[in-house]
Amino acid sequence: MFRVILFFLITFSFVYNLSFSQNDSLPFNSYHERVVLSTSFSYKGAPFNLQGSFDSINQLNYQANLNLIHGIGVAYKWFSLNINYKLPNYTRSTEKYGKTKYFDVGLRFNLKKLYFSLNFTDYNGYGIKGADKLSDSLPVSPVGYYLNNNLKSWGLGLNVYYLINPDLNMKAAIGAVSRYTGSAHGFYLRFTTSVYGISSERSLIPYEYLSSPHSSHKASSISAIDFGAVPGYAYLNNINGWQFGAFAGLGGVIQAKSYQSEETSRSFLGLAPRFDLRIQGGYNVSNWFLMFNATFDHSSIEFSHLQYNQLYFAFQLTYGYRFKEKEDKEVQNNFKLTRL
């Protein structure tokens, strides 16, 4: 199946690029010669659920309690620096929803038609939402959360976007050092490889409160290594300064997965679905921009009696200003002197 999809996209890419080979104008502008300063507010999360037969319920939802993130950025030519730090207050009450300590770092850059994104995330501290439905004797917070400060979610992933149509540009879609001036659309491929999982000092599920738990319900860790491809389609546009667009794709990965408990350790090989979704929108003109960017990434691991699903998401609102080039000012001054 992957070979068929890849053959189709390569063939389409050749025909599509050939048909547009005489179009030298691109529907986006780059401002690498300008100093770009920006400030942003972000909210990230990585909720997950475990599905199975847990007596009265079939799904346990795990939620983190996170902070807003403030960022300051500067970019000029090849240089780009972003400093992000958590704001002091949690978004929700720590007594009711617990505390989550988290760390994430990423590296992103363009290389011709390729856009690279390398990310590492580490979240410590989750609560099971509605855990009081699992058992009346389970110790929960005032809002029914079963808190586990030692439960960890971690992941290391590399994603490479191959943008088939030359009109597609990820930096212009994000809208900071570049922006769109017209419409663009076309196919793309996201190649992905990742190592990720969840673990806890005690079991991931409070199986002591289940009547007949399976061995996988006693797991203290679930992890996987996978790689694959996600073909997708993108559409971007800028109309009178209002820029909007989206990348959406669906594919799959080959996966080596395992779970471990005090009693046993099991490993398997299989396939898993993947989707890709990026949404952008805002006001973006030559001198300044206000852009909203949202990304969603899904991971899943399935065993015979247990399924793990996790959604990584990030929302970011960014304001930035692009300072004018010195050359432009000198040209303008010389033009005025010439006229005099």
Protein backbone atom coordinates (compact mmCIF):
# COMPACT_ATOMS: atom_id res chain seq x y z
CA MET A 1 0.00 0.00 0.00
CA PHE A 2 2.81 2.44 0.91
CA ARG A 3 4.54 1.71 -2.41
CA VAL A 4 1.37 2.49 -4.34
CA ILE A 5 0.86 5.79 -2.48
CA LEU A 6 4.54 6.75 -2.91
CA PHE A 7 4.47 5.92 -6.65
CA PHE A 8 1.33 7.99 -7.12
CA LEU A 9 2.76 11.01 -5.30
CA ILE A 10 6.12 10.88 -7.13
CA THR A 11 4.33 10.63 -10.48
CA PHE A 12 1.98 13.46 -9.56
CA SER A 13 4.93 15.56 -8.38
CA PHE A 14 6.72 15.15 -11.73
CA VAL A 15 3.65 16.04 -13.79
CA TYR A 16 2.66 18.89 -11.47
CA ASN A 17 6.12 20.48 -11.39
CA LEU A 18 6.47 20.08 -15.16
CA SER A 19 3.20 21.90 -15.75
CA PHE A 20 4.31 24.78 -13.53
CA SER A 21 7.95 24.88 -14.64
CA GLN A 22 7.43 28.10 -16.62
CA ASN A 23 5.94 29.95 -13.62
CA ASP A 24 8.86 31.70 -11.97
CA SER A 25 6.82 33.77 -9.52
CA LEU A 26 6.12 32.31 -6.10
CA PRO A 27 3.05 33.27 -4.03
CA PHE A 28 5.05 34.19 -0.92
CA ASN A 29 7.63 36.75 0.20
CA SER A 30 10.68 36.13 2.35
CA TYR A 31 11.98 38.73 4.83
CA HIS A 32 15.32 37.16 5.76
CA GLU A 33 17.06 40.49 5.11
CA ARG A 34 14.96 42.16 7.80
CA VAL A 35 15.28 41.91 11.56
CA VAL A 36 12.11 40.20 12.80
CA LEU A 37 11.14 40.51 16.48
CA SER A 38 8.22 38.55 17.89
CA THR A 39 6.42 37.69 21.11
CA SER A 40 4.05 34.77 21.60
CA PHE A 41 1.75 32.93 23.99
CA SER A 42 1.48 29.15 23.66
CA TYR A 43 -0.42 26.30 25.23
CA LYS A 44 0.74 22.72 24.70
CA GLY A 45 -0.63 19.44 25.91
CA ALA A 46 -0.36 15.67 25.57
CA PRO A 47 -3.54 14.03 26.95
CA PHE A 48 -3.96 10.30 26.39
CA ASN A 49 -6.41 7.51 27.07
CA LEU A 50 -6.24 3.79 27.75
CA GLN A 51 -9.04 1.68 26.32
CA GLY A 52 -10.03 -1.78 27.49
CA SER A 53 -12.46 -3.62 29.72
CA PHE A 54 -12.22 -1.94 33.13
CA ASP A 55 -15.36 -3.35 34.79
CA SER A 56 -17.93 -0.54 34.58
CA ILE A 57 -16.04 1.64 32.05
CA ASN A 58 -14.11 1.03 28.82
CA GLN A 59 -11.84 4.08 28.71
CA LEU A 60 -9.59 5.94 31.16
CA ASN A 61 -8.75 9.55 30.24
CA TYR A 62 -5.45 10.98 31.49
CA GLN A 63 -5.11 14.76 31.73
CA ALA A 64 -2.16 16.99 32.58
CA ASN A 65 -2.28 20.36 34.37
CA LEU A 66 -0.07 22.79 32.45
CA ASN A 67 1.06 26.42 32.30
CA LEU A 68 0.84 29.00 29.57
CA ILE A 69 4.16 29.61 27.80
CA HIS A 70 5.50 33.04 26.86
CA GLY A 71 8.07 33.33 24.11
CA ILE A 72 10.39 36.01 22.69
CA GLY A 73 12.01 35.55 19.28
CA VAL A 74 14.42 37.29 16.93
CA ALA A 75 15.39 36.33 13.39
CA TYR A 76 17.80 37.84 10.85
CA LYS A 77 19.13 36.13 7.73
CA TRP A 78 20.30 32.65 8.77
CA PHE A 79 20.11 33.42 12.51
CA SER A 80 17.00 32.61 14.55
CA LEU A 81 16.56 32.47 18.33
CA ASN A 82 13.46 31.75 20.40
CA ILE A 83 13.38 31.87 24.20
CA ASN A 84 10.32 30.29 25.82
CA TYR A 85 9.47 30.04 29.50
CA LYS A 86 6.48 28.87 31.53
CA LEU A 87 4.33 31.46 33.27
CA PRO A 88 4.16 30.79 37.03
CA ASN A 89 0.49 29.89 37.48
CA TYR A 90 -1.11 26.63 36.39
CA THR A 91 -4.19 26.86 34.19
CA ARG A 92 -6.27 24.89 36.75
CA SER A 93 -6.28 24.27 40.50
CA THR A 94 -3.38 22.04 41.57
CA GLU A 95 -5.44 20.63 44.46
CA LYS A 96 -8.12 19.39 42.06
CA TYR A 97 -6.06 18.55 38.96
CA GLY A 98 -2.54 17.97 40.29
CA LYS A 99 0.76 19.36 39.01
CA THR A 100 2.56 18.57 35.78
CA LYS A 101 6.26 19.24 35.37
CA TYR A 102 7.23 19.28 31.74
CA PHE A 103 10.08 20.01 29.39
CA ASP A 104 10.12 20.28 25.63
CA VAL A 105 12.73 21.35 23.12
CA GLY A 106 12.61 21.47 19.34
CA LEU A 107 14.68 22.23 16.27
CA ARG A 108 13.08 23.34 12.98
CA PHE A 109 14.65 24.37 9.68
CA ASN A 110 14.11 24.39 5.91
CA LEU A 111 16.29 22.79 3.24
CA LYS A 112 14.89 23.49 -0.22
CA LYS A 113 11.64 21.46 -0.47
CA LEU A 114 12.21 19.79 2.90
CA TYR A 115 11.07 21.06 6.29
CA PHE A 116 12.65 19.35 9.31
CA SER A 117 11.09 19.23 12.78
CA LEU A 118 12.88 17.49 15.66
CA ASN A 119 11.10 17.45 19.04
CA PHE A 120 11.64 16.03 22.52
CA THR A 121 8.87 16.16 25.15
CA ASP A 122 8.76 15.04 28.78
CA TYR A 123 5.59 15.40 30.88
CA ASN A 124 5.54 14.30 34.55
CA GLY A 125 2.25 14.17 36.47
CA TYR A 126 -1.20 13.14 35.22
CA GLY A 127 -4.68 12.62 36.62
CA ILE A 128 -7.35 10.14 35.51
CA LYS A 129 -10.48 12.13 34.74
CA GLY A 130 -13.68 10.63 36.17
CA ALA A 131 -11.76 7.96 38.07
CA ASP A 132 -14.49 7.80 40.72
CA LYS A 133 -16.51 5.78 38.16
CA LEU A 134 -13.85 3.06 38.34
CA SER A 135 -14.42 2.41 42.04
CA ASP A 136 -16.11 4.15 44.97
CA SER A 137 -13.12 3.39 47.20
CA LEU A 138 -10.51 4.88 44.84
CA PRO A 139 -8.87 7.97 46.44
CA VAL A 140 -9.67 10.90 44.14
CA SER A 141 -9.45 14.71 44.23
CA PRO A 142 -12.52 16.91 44.87
CA VAL A 143 -13.38 16.80 41.13
CA GLY A 144 -12.98 13.03 40.75
CA TYR A 145 -9.39 12.91 39.44
CA TYR A 146 -7.07 10.07 40.47
CA LEU A 147 -3.71 11.87 40.67
CA ASN A 148 -0.37 10.24 39.89
CA ASN A 149 2.53 12.68 40.06
CA ASN A 150 4.98 9.96 39.01
CA LEU A 151 3.26 9.11 35.74
CA LYS A 152 5.47 10.20 32.84
CA SER A 153 4.81 10.72 29.13
CA TRP A 154 7.85 11.15 26.90
CA GLY A 155 8.66 11.22 23.21
CA LEU A 156 11.45 11.91 20.72
CA GLY A 157 10.36 12.41 17.13
CA LEU A 158 11.74 13.51 13.78
CA ASN A 159 9.35 14.68 11.06
CA VAL A 160 10.46 15.63 7.56
CA TYR A 161 7.95 17.34 5.27
CA TYR A 162 8.57 16.97 1.55
CA LEU A 163 6.62 19.82 -0.07
CA ILE A 164 6.01 18.62 -3.63
CA ASN A 165 4.71 21.86 -5.12
CA PRO A 166 7.37 24.65 -5.01
CA ASP A 167 4.56 27.08 -4.12
CA LEU A 168 4.32 25.39 -0.70
CA ASN A 169 6.59 26.81 1.98
CA MET A 170 6.31 25.94 5.67
CA LYS A 171 7.95 29.14 6.94
CA ALA A 172 5.57 31.25 4.87
CA ALA A 173 2.66 29.20 6.22
CA ILE A 174 3.79 29.85 9.81
CA GLY A 175 4.03 33.52 8.80
CA ALA A 176 6.97 34.98 10.75
CA VAL A 177 10.07 35.39 8.55
CA SER A 178 7.96 34.80 5.41
CA ARG A 179 4.34 35.29 4.43
CA TYR A 180 1.99 34.36 1.63
CA THR A 181 0.85 36.96 -0.93
CA GLY A 182 -1.52 34.71 -2.88
CA SER A 183 -2.92 31.20 -2.97
CA ALA A 184 -1.03 27.90 -3.06
CA HIS A 185 -2.08 24.27 -2.79
CA GLY A 186 -0.72 20.82 -3.47
CA PHE A 187 0.35 17.45 -2.12
CA TYR A 188 3.07 16.81 0.44
CA LEU A 189 4.63 13.85 2.26
CA ARG A 190 5.51 13.74 5.95
CA PHE A 191 8.16 11.14 6.77
CA THR A 192 8.10 10.36 10.48
CA THR A 193 10.14 8.34 12.95
CA SER A 194 9.69 8.42 16.71
CA VAL A 195 10.38 6.77 20.05
CA TYR A 196 7.74 7.38 22.75
CA GLY A 197 5.82 5.94 25.66
CA ILE A 198 4.32 6.31 29.13
CA SER A 199 5.65 4.96 32.43
CA SER A 200 5.05 5.13 36.17
CA GLU A 201 6.72 4.01 39.38
CA ARG A 202 3.47 2.20 40.15
CA SER A 203 1.11 0.74 37.55
CA LEU A 204 -0.40 3.00 34.88
CA ILE A 205 -3.88 1.76 35.85
CA PRO A 206 -5.02 1.28 39.48
CA TYR A 207 -5.71 -2.37 38.68
CA GLU A 208 -6.12 -3.28 42.37
CA TYR A 209 -9.66 -1.88 42.07
CA LEU A 210 -10.54 -4.11 39.07
CA SER A 211 -12.30 -7.43 39.56
CA SER A 212 -10.25 -9.43 37.01
CA PRO A 213 -7.41 -7.38 35.51
CA HIS A 214 -5.49 -8.64 32.46
CA SER A 215 -1.68 -8.75 32.63
CA SER A 216 -1.51 -5.67 30.35
CA HIS A 217 -3.67 -3.74 32.87
CA LYS A 218 -0.82 -4.16 35.37
CA ALA A 219 1.73 -2.54 33.06
CA SER A 220 4.03 0.09 34.53
CA SER A 221 5.26 1.18 31.08
CA ILE A 222 4.13 1.15 27.44
CA SER A 223 6.51 2.19 24.65
CA ALA A 224 7.05 1.97 20.90
CA ILE A 225 9.47 2.73 18.07
CA ASP A 226 7.88 3.46 14.71
CA PHE A 227 8.55 4.91 11.29
CA GLY A 228 6.39 5.58 8.26
CA ALA A 229 4.88 8.18 5.95
CA VAL A 230 1.80 10.40 5.95
CA PRO A 231 0.69 11.77 2.55
CA GLY A 232 -1.38 14.92 2.71
CA TYR A 233 -2.72 18.00 0.96
CA ALA A 234 -2.16 21.67 1.81
CA TYR A 235 -3.99 24.87 0.97
CA LEU A 236 -2.75 28.39 1.83
CA ASN A 237 -3.84 31.89 0.88
CA ASN A 238 -3.56 35.57 1.76
CA ILE A 239 -6.46 37.85 0.85
CA ASN A 240 -5.99 41.57 1.62
CA GLY A 241 -3.62 40.73 4.48
CA TRP A 242 -5.75 37.95 5.98
CA GLN A 243 -3.68 34.78 5.77
CA PHE A 244 -5.09 31.29 6.37
CA GLY A 245 -4.26 27.72 5.51
CA ALA A 246 -4.05 24.10 6.58
CA PHE A 247 -2.03 20.92 6.09
CA ALA A 248 -3.96 17.66 6.46
CA GLY A 249 -2.81 14.10 5.87
CA LEU A 250 -3.50 10.45 6.68
CA GLY A 251 -1.06 7.53 6.61
CA GLY A 252 0.54 4.84 8.76
CA VAL A 253 3.69 3.53 10.43
CA ILE A 254 5.47 0.25 11.06
CA GLN A 255 5.71 -0.17 14.81
CA ALA A 256 7.71 -2.18 17.36
CA LYS A 257 5.74 -1.99 20.63
CA SER A 258 5.97 -3.41 24.14
CA TYR A 259 4.60 -3.21 27.66
CA GLN A 260 6.24 -4.13 30.92
CA SER A 261 4.97 -4.97 34.41
CA GLU A 262 6.36 -6.64 37.52
CA GLU A 263 5.01 -9.98 36.29
CA THR A 264 5.81 -9.95 32.57
CA SER A 265 7.29 -8.13 29.58
CA ARG A 266 5.76 -8.50 26.10
CA SER A 267 6.90 -7.18 22.70
CA PHE A 268 5.08 -7.12 19.36
CA LEU A 269 5.43 -5.85 15.77
CA GLY A 270 2.56 -4.25 13.88
CA LEU A 271 1.07 -1.33 11.98
CA ALA A 272 -0.60 1.82 13.30
CA PRO A 273 -2.51 4.71 11.65
CA ARG A 274 -1.26 8.29 11.75
CA PHE A 275 -2.74 11.65 10.80
CA ASP A 276 -1.21 15.08 10.30
CA LEU A 277 -3.01 18.38 10.90
CA ARG A 278 -1.62 21.93 10.95
CA ILE A 279 -3.85 25.02 10.89
CA GLN A 280 -2.75 28.64 10.46
CA GLY A 281 -4.60 31.93 10.34
CA GLY A 282 -4.26 35.63 11.10
CA TYR A 283 -3.41 39.05 9.72
CA ASN A 284 -0.07 39.24 7.94
CA VAL A 285 1.28 42.21 5.96
CA SER A 286 4.81 43.25 5.01
CA ASN A 287 5.73 45.09 8.24
CA TRP A 288 3.90 43.14 10.96
CA PHE A 289 1.82 40.06 11.64
CA LEU A 290 -0.52 38.47 14.17
CA MET A 291 -0.69 34.73 13.50
CA PHE A 292 -2.39 31.78 15.18
CA ASN A 293 -0.78 28.38 14.59
CA ALA A 294 -2.17 25.04 15.77
CA THR A 295 -0.60 21.60 15.33
CA PHE A 296 -1.99 18.17 16.17
CA ASP A 297 -0.15 14.85 16.21
CA HIS A 298 -1.56 11.48 17.21
CA SER A 299 0.24 8.39 18.56
CA SER A 300 -1.30 5.01 19.29
CA ILE A 301 -0.26 1.54 20.46
CA GLU A 302 -2.66 -1.40 20.42
CA PHE A 303 -2.44 -4.69 22.32
CA SER A 304 -5.03 -7.47 22.50
CA HIS A 305 -6.63 -6.22 25.75
CA LEU A 306 -5.37 -2.64 25.91
CA GLN A 307 -5.09 0.32 23.55
CA TYR A 308 -3.14 3.53 24.15
CA ASN A 309 -3.98 6.76 22.27
CA GLN A 310 -2.24 10.10 22.77
CA LEU A 311 -2.82 13.48 21.18
CA TYR A 312 0.00 16.04 21.14
CA PHE A 313 -1.28 19.53 20.44
CA ALA A 314 0.13 23.05 20.46
CA PHE A 315 -1.67 26.39 20.12
CA GLN A 316 0.40 29.52 19.57
CA LEU A 317 -0.57 33.17 19.08
CA THR A 318 2.35 35.27 17.80
CA TYR A 319 2.75 38.99 17.19
CA GLY A 320 5.80 40.19 15.31
CA TYR A 321 7.30 43.24 13.61
CA ARG A 322 9.64 43.23 10.60
CA PHE A 323 12.05 46.16 10.61
CA LYS A 324 12.86 47.75 7.27
CA GLU A 325 16.18 47.06 5.57
CA LYS A 326 18.93 49.67 5.68
CA GLU A 327 19.38 49.31 1.94
CA ASP A 328 15.77 50.32 1.41
CA LYS A 329 16.28 53.48 3.47
CA GLU A 330 19.48 54.35 1.59
CA VAL A 331 17.79 53.81 -1.78
CA GLN A 332 14.90 56.01 -0.69
CA ASN A 333 17.31 58.78 0.44
CA ASN A 334 19.30 58.58 -2.79
CA PHE A 335 16.06 58.77 -4.77
CA LYS A 336 15.03 61.92 -2.90
CA LEU A 337 18.44 63.54 -3.50
CA THR A 338 18.25 62.71 -7.19
CA ARG A 339 14.86 64.37 -7.45
CA LEU A 340 16.22 67.50 -5.72
